[in-house]
Protein backbone atom coordinates (compact mmCIF):
# COMPACT_ATOMS: atom_id res chain seq x y z
CA MET A 1 127.06 90.09 116.51
CA LYS A 2 123.81 90.31 114.59
CA VAL A 3 120.97 92.16 116.27
CA GLU A 4 117.60 90.65 115.38
CA ASN A 5 114.79 92.91 114.30
CA PRO A 6 111.68 90.75 113.97
CA ILE A 7 109.47 93.44 112.41
CA ALA A 8 112.13 94.31 109.81
CA GLU A 9 112.58 90.64 108.93
CA ARG A 10 108.86 89.96 108.86
CA SER A 11 108.00 93.02 106.75
CA PHE A 12 110.78 92.10 104.29
CA ALA A 13 109.45 88.54 104.00
CA PHE A 14 105.98 89.98 103.45
CA ALA A 15 107.31 92.22 100.67
CA LEU A 16 108.70 89.12 98.95
CA GLN A 17 105.29 87.46 99.33
CA ILE A 18 103.64 90.50 97.72
CA VAL A 19 106.10 90.44 94.82
CA GLU A 20 105.15 86.81 94.18
CA LEU A 21 101.44 87.68 94.36
CA TYR A 22 102.05 90.52 91.90
CA LYS A 23 103.63 88.08 89.45
CA LEU A 24 100.65 85.72 89.74
CA LEU A 25 98.17 88.57 89.29
CA SER A 26 100.06 89.91 86.29
CA ALA A 27 99.98 86.45 84.73
CA GLU A 28 96.17 86.64 85.05
CA ARG A 29 96.28 90.06 83.37
CA GLU A 30 95.28 91.98 86.48
CA TYR A 31 97.47 95.05 86.24
CA VAL A 32 95.75 97.98 87.94
CA LEU A 33 95.01 96.78 91.48
CA SER A 34 98.04 94.51 91.52
CA LYS A 35 100.30 97.51 90.94
CA GLN A 36 98.69 99.31 93.89
CA LEU A 37 99.19 96.18 95.98
CA LEU A 38 102.85 95.97 94.94
CA ARG A 39 103.50 99.59 95.89
CA SER A 40 101.84 99.54 99.31
CA GLY A 41 102.92 95.99 100.21
CA THR A 42 106.60 96.65 99.59
CA SER A 43 106.42 100.09 101.18
CA ILE A 44 105.72 98.59 104.61
CA GLY A 45 109.19 97.10 104.87
CA ALA A 46 110.83 100.14 103.30
CA ASN A 47 109.37 102.38 105.99
CA VAL A 48 110.35 99.95 108.73
CA ALA A 49 113.89 99.99 107.34
CA GLU A 50 113.88 103.79 107.39
CA ALA A 51 112.63 103.73 111.00
CA THR A 52 115.63 101.67 112.06
CA ALA A 53 117.82 104.60 111.01
CA ALA A 54 115.63 107.25 112.62
CA ILE A 55 117.37 110.32 114.01
CA SER A 56 114.93 110.75 116.89
CA LYS A 57 112.10 109.03 118.72
CA ARG A 58 109.66 111.27 116.88
CA ASP A 59 111.16 110.29 113.51
CA PHE A 60 111.00 106.59 114.49
CA ALA A 61 107.34 106.88 115.49
CA ALA A 62 106.51 108.75 112.27
CA LYS A 63 108.15 106.14 110.02
CA MET A 64 106.51 103.27 111.86
CA SER A 65 103.18 105.08 111.62
CA ILE A 66 103.61 105.33 107.85
CA ALA A 67 104.45 101.61 107.73
CA SER A 68 101.24 100.92 109.66
CA LYS A 69 99.21 103.03 107.23
CA GLU A 70 100.77 101.24 104.26
CA ALA A 71 99.86 97.90 105.86
CA ARG A 72 96.25 99.02 106.16
CA GLU A 73 96.24 100.11 102.52
CA THR A 74 97.72 96.76 101.52
CA LYS A 75 94.96 94.96 103.41
CA TYR A 76 92.40 97.06 101.52
CA TRP A 77 93.82 96.06 98.11
CA LEU A 78 94.02 92.40 99.14
CA MET A 79 90.41 92.43 100.30
CA LEU A 80 89.26 94.19 97.15
CA LEU A 81 91.04 91.67 94.93
CA SER A 82 89.75 88.76 96.98
CA GLN A 83 86.15 89.80 97.54
CA GLY A 84 85.81 91.42 94.13
CA ARG A 85 86.48 88.03 92.56
CA MET A 86 88.91 89.60 90.10
CA THR A 87 91.36 86.73 90.33
CA GLN A 88 91.69 83.06 91.14
CA VAL A 89 94.77 83.76 93.29
CA ASP A 90 94.27 82.90 96.96
CA MET A 91 94.84 85.99 99.10
CA SER A 92 94.16 84.37 102.49
CA ALA A 93 97.79 83.88 103.57
CA ALA A 94 98.69 87.46 102.63
CA LEU A 95 95.58 88.79 104.38
CA ASN A 96 96.47 86.88 107.52
CA GLU A 97 100.05 88.13 107.51
CA VAL A 98 99.15 91.76 106.83
CA SER A 99 96.62 91.67 109.66
CA GLN A 100 99.34 90.46 112.01
CA LEU A 101 101.73 93.14 110.72
CA ILE A 102 99.07 95.79 111.39
CA ASN A 103 98.72 94.59 114.99
CA ILE A 104 102.48 94.59 115.55
CA LEU A 105 103.02 97.99 113.92
CA THR A 106 100.12 99.51 115.87
CA ALA A 107 101.66 98.29 119.13
CA ILE A 108 105.08 99.66 118.13
CA VAL A 109 103.61 103.08 117.25
CA LYS A 110 101.62 103.27 120.51
CA THR A 111 104.68 102.34 122.55
CA ALA A 112 106.91 104.79 120.69
CA GLN A 113 104.41 107.61 121.15
CA ALA A 114 104.02 106.81 124.85
CA ASN A 115 107.80 106.91 125.28
CA MET A 116 107.89 110.42 123.79
CA GLU A 117 105.55 111.82 126.43
């Protein structure tokens, strides 16, 4: 029986979206910020995956907190690329999704921390 994990699935799908954005940005010869975006955008899901194998509630909260921070960093790079007019690539879908991921991850971290008290 498969147990669904919506945040793991969603952060993985977002990582795939970021990989595609990275390819588009590289095709436009934007290498510096796109590499930062690739690192932070794929790190969200990696930290969520690590959290699913946490050895304690504290470890779970810490990994999810890192995922949340990576999501915020990803949003920063997306906004910089978009508002800095460094590319013709539309960042709106990725910005929308990362904002939703931030909200979900923040709620998970708050709940996890409350359950530790």
